[in-house]
Amino acid sequence: MSHITFFGDSITEWALWEERLAPIQIRNLGIAGETTAQMLRRSQQAAKEPQLWVMAGINDIIQLRPVQEVISDYNQMLDQWQGDNVHIQSTLFLSSAFVHLNPAVTQLNLWLQEQAQVRGFVFHDINALFNATDYLDDAYQYDGVHLTEKAYQIWQRYLEQQLT
């Protein structure tokens, strides 16, 4: 089976993709609490991976970093990666309690989608899996940010379809 690396923050780290997607060889480079600036320091390591799935940016937005700074960090990461083996996953919306932050998520996701197209990467709208257009419903998150088991199962089914 192929080797796939997930690169991100707590949403990635806590997914336990190595268990969910067995027997595919999974490397989980998710680290809870990381911002894109912190991920940028590890991005060269991720660039060496045969297939890379990335999700980032929500910790920056929660910390009220300007979206243009997040885009700048993300852009530097994207510059290190090449080809259709790079899968950019949308930054997830926050719950209705944090809906005021979601316009920044939308702005980042629009930029990510555009960059994926320009660079020949693959963009995956993970928010669409949860029918999230403005915020992440309570059925899919438990603290405003982090996913429920139900959400991870939906995401898992999507990944299984994409990886076969």
Protein backbone atom coordinates (compact mmCIF):
# COMPACT_ATOMS: atom_id res chain seq x y z
CA MET A 1 0.00 0.00 0.00
CA SER A 2 1.06 3.56 -0.60
CA HIS A 3 2.56 5.84 2.01
CA ILE A 4 0.48 8.91 2.89
CA THR A 5 1.41 11.75 5.20
CA PHE A 6 -1.06 14.03 6.94
CA PHE A 7 0.37 17.41 7.95
CA GLY A 8 -1.51 19.78 10.20
CA ASP A 9 -2.59 20.70 13.71
CA SER A 10 -4.73 18.98 16.39
CA ILE A 11 -7.54 18.23 13.94
CA THR A 12 -5.03 16.15 11.98
CA GLU A 13 -3.16 14.75 14.97
CA TRP A 14 -6.28 13.55 16.78
CA ALA A 15 -7.81 11.93 13.67
CA LEU A 16 -5.76 8.76 14.21
CA TRP A 17 -5.63 8.22 10.45
CA GLU A 18 -3.10 5.42 10.88
CA GLU A 19 -5.83 3.36 12.60
CA ARG A 20 -8.76 4.57 10.52
CA LEU A 21 -7.13 4.00 7.13
CA ALA A 22 -5.25 0.76 7.78
CA PRO A 23 -3.66 -1.05 5.97
CA ILE A 24 -2.47 2.09 4.17
CA GLN A 25 0.84 3.26 5.61
CA ILE A 26 0.08 6.58 7.29
CA ARG A 27 2.46 9.10 8.78
CA ASN A 28 0.71 11.67 10.97
CA LEU A 29 2.59 14.96 11.23
CA GLY A 30 -0.23 16.75 13.02
CA ILE A 31 0.77 18.72 16.12
CA ALA A 32 -1.89 20.21 18.38
CA GLY A 33 -1.89 23.98 18.63
CA GLU A 34 0.41 24.65 15.71
CA THR A 35 -0.02 27.72 13.56
CA THR A 36 1.06 28.01 9.94
CA ALA A 37 4.20 29.86 11.12
CA GLN A 38 5.14 26.84 13.25
CA MET A 39 4.23 24.40 10.51
CA LEU A 40 6.41 26.36 8.09
CA ARG A 41 9.44 25.36 10.16
CA ARG A 42 8.57 21.68 9.56
CA SER A 43 7.37 21.99 5.98
CA GLN A 44 10.60 20.84 4.33
CA GLN A 45 10.22 17.52 6.15
CA ALA A 46 6.70 17.22 4.73
CA ALA A 47 7.96 18.11 1.22
CA LYS A 48 9.84 14.80 1.06
CA GLU A 49 6.71 12.71 1.47
CA PRO A 50 5.35 10.70 -1.49
CA GLN A 51 1.75 11.84 -0.88
CA LEU A 52 0.93 14.80 1.33
CA TRP A 53 -2.47 15.81 2.74
CA VAL A 54 -2.43 19.22 4.46
CA MET A 55 -4.87 21.12 6.63
CA ALA A 56 -3.80 24.27 8.45
CA GLY A 57 -4.75 27.77 9.48
CA ILE A 58 -7.47 27.46 12.08
CA ASN A 59 -5.16 28.12 15.04
CA ASP A 60 -3.94 31.30 13.34
CA ILE A 61 -7.51 32.47 12.82
CA ILE A 62 -8.47 31.70 16.42
CA GLN A 63 -5.43 33.74 17.53
CA LEU A 64 -6.73 36.61 15.34
CA ARG A 65 -3.73 36.65 13.01
CA PRO A 66 -4.51 38.63 9.87
CA VAL A 67 -5.45 36.32 7.00
CA GLN A 68 -2.73 37.84 4.81
CA GLU A 69 -0.09 36.69 7.33
CA VAL A 70 -1.58 33.18 7.30
CA ILE A 71 -1.58 33.22 3.51
CA SER A 72 2.07 34.34 3.50
CA ASP A 73 3.11 31.41 5.72
CA TYR A 74 1.00 28.96 3.75
CA ASN A 75 2.40 30.30 0.47
CA GLN A 76 5.94 29.64 1.67
CA MET A 77 4.96 26.06 2.48
CA LEU A 78 3.27 25.56 -0.88
CA ASP A 79 6.40 26.86 -2.63
CA GLN A 80 8.31 23.88 -1.20
CA TRP A 81 5.88 21.26 -2.48
CA GLN A 82 5.32 20.04 -6.01
CA GLY A 83 2.92 18.01 -8.07
CA ASP A 84 -0.40 16.27 -7.88
CA ASN A 85 0.74 14.28 -4.85
CA VAL A 86 -0.06 17.37 -2.73
CA HIS A 87 -3.61 17.47 -1.39
CA ILE A 88 -4.76 20.72 0.20
CA GLN A 89 -7.74 20.26 2.50
CA SER A 90 -9.92 23.24 3.31
CA THR A 91 -9.50 24.86 6.68
CA LEU A 92 -12.53 23.86 8.72
CA PHE A 93 -15.13 26.35 9.80
CA LEU A 94 -15.66 27.02 13.49
CA SER A 95 -18.98 26.55 15.31
CA SER A 96 -21.78 29.11 15.45
CA ALA A 97 -20.26 30.45 18.70
CA PHE A 98 -17.24 31.59 16.65
CA VAL A 99 -19.12 32.44 13.44
CA HIS A 100 -17.56 35.93 13.46
CA LEU A 101 -14.19 34.30 12.62
CA ASN A 102 -15.49 32.24 9.71
CA PRO A 103 -15.20 34.98 7.05
CA ALA A 104 -11.43 34.67 7.56
CA VAL A 105 -11.74 30.89 7.05
CA THR A 106 -13.68 31.52 3.84
CA GLN A 107 -11.06 33.98 2.59
CA LEU A 108 -8.25 31.50 3.32
CA ASN A 109 -10.11 28.64 1.64
CA LEU A 110 -10.79 30.64 -1.51
CA TRP A 111 -7.08 31.41 -1.73
CA LEU A 112 -6.16 27.76 -1.08
CA GLN A 113 -8.52 26.56 -3.79
CA GLU A 114 -7.05 29.03 -6.27
CA GLN A 115 -3.49 28.09 -5.34
CA ALA A 116 -4.20 24.38 -5.71
CA GLN A 117 -5.49 24.97 -9.22
CA VAL A 118 -2.57 27.19 -10.22
CA ARG A 119 0.08 24.86 -8.77
CA GLY A 120 -1.41 21.56 -9.96
CA PHE A 121 -2.29 20.42 -6.44
CA VAL A 122 -5.57 18.77 -5.49
CA PHE A 123 -8.02 20.78 -3.36
CA HIS A 124 -10.53 19.00 -1.10
CA ASP A 125 -13.42 20.98 0.40
CA ILE A 126 -13.76 19.16 3.71
CA ASN A 127 -16.36 21.68 4.92
CA ALA A 128 -18.68 20.41 2.18
CA LEU A 129 -18.64 16.95 3.79
CA PHE A 130 -20.37 18.49 6.80
CA ASN A 131 -22.71 20.72 4.76
CA ALA A 132 -20.94 23.66 6.40
CA THR A 133 -21.45 26.90 4.52
CA ASP A 134 -21.18 29.40 7.37
CA TYR A 135 -20.23 27.40 10.45
CA LEU A 136 -19.60 23.86 11.67
CA ASP A 137 -22.77 22.34 13.11
CA ASP A 138 -22.82 21.01 16.69
CA ALA A 139 -23.16 17.45 15.40
CA TYR A 140 -19.65 17.70 13.96
CA GLN A 141 -17.72 19.56 16.67
CA TYR A 142 -17.71 19.47 20.46
CA ASP A 143 -15.87 22.63 21.52
CA GLY A 144 -16.25 25.02 18.62
CA VAL A 145 -13.15 23.71 16.84
CA HIS A 146 -12.45 20.01 17.30
CA LEU A 147 -14.32 17.27 15.49
CA THR A 148 -16.68 14.67 16.89
CA GLU A 149 -16.33 11.00 16.08
CA LYS A 150 -19.25 11.35 13.66
CA ALA A 151 -17.34 14.02 11.72
CA TYR A 152 -14.16 11.93 11.61
CA GLN A 153 -16.15 8.96 10.30
CA ILE A 154 -17.61 11.05 7.48
CA TRP A 155 -14.14 12.38 6.64
CA GLN A 156 -12.72 8.84 6.80
CA ARG A 157 -15.27 7.57 4.26
CA TYR A 158 -14.37 10.43 1.95
CA LEU A 159 -10.66 9.66 2.24
CA GLU A 160 -11.24 5.96 1.61
CA GLN A 161 -12.98 6.88 -1.65
CA GLN A 162 -10.17 9.23 -2.64
CA LEU A 163 -7.39 6.76 -1.82
CA THR A 164 -8.75 3.73 -3.69
